[in-house]
Amino acid sequence: MDSEDERLIEAIESDDANVAYGKHVRCLQLHTEWADHDTTELKHVQRGVPELRLDHAQERDILAYLKRGGNHDNRHIVEWLAVFRIPRFFSTIRGFHTGTLDLLGRHKPRYDSLIRRWKELYHDLQPFPRVKLVVEDVDEETTAPNPYEQIPTELIRAFEKRWRVNAESYFMISMTIASADKLASFLLETPEPIFQQRCLQHLPPELLHYTVEFMDHESVRYLGSTSRLFRQISITYIYRHRSLVLKSIQLQNTTPSTPDEEMAEGMKWAILAAKERLLEQMQTIIDNPGMLEAIRSLDLFIGTRMPHDGLSIAGIGEGSDERRQYFGTLLASLGVILNEAVNIQTLRIINWDLSPDLVPIILSLPLLRSIKLMNSRIWPGEITSYPPSPVLNAHFILDSRKEIRMWRLLTGMPRLRVLSISRTETDDGSLLPPVAFRNVTNPFKTVERFFASCPCSTEVDQFSSWIRSAKVTYGKLRLTHFKIAADSVGLYVVQIGALLDALSGAPMRHFSLEGIHNANPQLLDKIADAFPDLESLALHYRHSLRQSRTRSAWWPAPTWHYAQVLHRLPKLKHFIWNQTVNVLEAPSYILLRMEDGWPTVPDDEPLFDEVEMFFGWDSVAKLFASYAPSLETIAFVVTTGVPILHYTITRGPGGIACTPSQPSIRDKIISLDPLTFSRTWEEVNTPAREEE
């Protein structure tokens, strides 16, 4: 019917669709009222079935579900496409006459093609009688008579074959006829199409390049596949992000009972094959200077099909000569890429080994702004110092503190502004570097945004000492964003006091503590003393020492006690806490009925009292807003730190109004209190201003 429809057919026939589960299947009932059919010609009522209005992604999901569900053969899958294809075809033609825009453009060659197909379809529908089909209720025991029994079978089969319509469903044929007749009447009333005078490709090249700058990588790839012009424009943007993935193939005929020797041999073959494939990809990049110049973001990681301990299973353990030999040729090719790809701005390395001579090459990239190292290892080697790097954002996820060579990267980052450090959940070791390193290197001289995830309980005081040392040595701190997400032990009063004392005097604007054990209002007083200019405050309380992770909790003091303290923060705009909003955790009526032997309850007796039925959290938001005149949002978060309830506060002549925030505010709240698993603040892209 249309180019997009044909691509959809090809994708389904080639099995190129994501598997969907039953959430959209209800929309596939053929007994459905189409959006554009006339109910005076065709009346069909079925309770609980919505109109069929799906986007392309939902279409693919549903069709993939049908294809894999086993209820329909491949022939019927294509026929079921008419559920989406024909209504969209009619809508496209109507759009030409109403001036409705779409991505493919309203140009004359496309219109001529569509009208030709429309005339052929409408001609083939003429042998079918126009009937009024009335079905007041549809269930398993009620069926309507088939109004097309007199139509020759060969005619129906020919219609099915040509238009890929499931003509066995007379409901569908009836609705198609009704929609087609309505479109024919519309075309008689509005005979002249409205063509676009200017299409996207007619814009100047500089505007097209400017537009592509705002598109994500996937969207640019789609745009580049539409025409030669957009292919030429998008090619440099497509190559901006490259991933070098060490991805092994799926091992065949292996089970948990497979002998170790056979498993090791199979894994060794798999990882060697993965290495050869990756070397071919790297050589392709090396041989293409334009591709090297276009790269802005580079990722190196081990793919999901490669087991985490695959190298060890193959006999290539950490620190072994075999491991150095395996990564050696890969690192040599990587060095060539890094030497030539001078425009790289973001580098992510996950589960890779790095040679000592490769680290200076990385730090020497002239435009490098962000680096993320996760579970990566630097081989031992003699390197006295690293060259100064323009890196502004560093994110380290470490296996253990023994990776001192990873920490030494900080010595080559004199302009660092954002630092995030965390350890893997399986690692029970320390997060901080050794004391000897901390005595000579202190990133808090320049760092403005800091996030520490899962430090050991004993390390919180060491963090305080490290920060205090920078304040004493350099005269001040630059920290504006600070968050510590405690491990399973949590944060105690003494630790928080020492931390606030070390941070006092910093120009703090956004502050977050996760895992506090003592959440009395006095804590907010101490925070207000240390940071009077706070703009956002996030606190996550653990009401029990048995809690290893933070979740929604009942805070110990009445809410108005906390609200009163916020008056001391005149610039506070956002307050985030994990006060629970689920008031039905302990339904008392269940306990009372159980104690009374489950007596019969009168129908008019309420199940919940007024306390248990409390849902007026907007009044709590108003309470906080009345004490904090600059407060704009208040959020209640759940276990993962995701806001479950958030209010936007507005002030006017009628007083304070607290309304549930729009979904877009949720992302804003998360940026003010980063999730524990994201482990970082928003990155910066410009160096700090030099002091006079």
Foldseek 3Di string as FASTA:
>chain_A
DAPVLVVLLVCVVVLVFDAADDPCQLQLPLQAAEPQFDCVQEPEDEPPRYHRDDDPNVVRNNLSNVPPVPPDDPLLSLQSSCVPPLVVLLVVLVCQLVVNDDQVFFADVRNVVSVVVLVVLLVLLVVQDRHYYYDHYDDPVDDGDQSCPVPDPVSLVVNCVVVVHPVVPSSNSNRSNRNSVVSVVVCVVRVDTHGDPDDPVNDDLVVVLVVCVPDDLVVLVVQLVPDVVSVVSSVLVNLQEDEQELEFDAQPPDDPPPDLVVLLVSLVVRSVVSLVVSVVVLVVCLVDLSSLQSHAEYEYYYDPNQDLCSCVSNVNDPPDPNVCVSCVVVQVSVLSSLQRSLNHAEYEYESEEAEPVSLLSVQPSARHAEYEYAQYAYDDDDDPAHAAHCYAYYEYEYQELVRVVVVRVQRNHQQHAWYFWEYDPVHPYAGDHDPVVLVVDAPQLHYAAYEYFAGAQVCLLVVLVSLLVSCVVNVAGAHAHDEYAYFQQFHEPVSVLSNLVSQARHQYAFYEYHRYAADDLVSLVSVCNRHLAYAEYEYFYDPDSNGRATFQDAHDDDLLSNLQSLLSNQNHAEYEYAHDQQLVPDQVLVVVCVVVVNDDDDPPDDSHDPSSPDNPCQVSVLSSCVSHVNYAKYFHAGRQRQTPWMWGWDQDPVGIGTDTDDPVVRVVVCLSPPTSVVRTHDTDNDGDDDDD
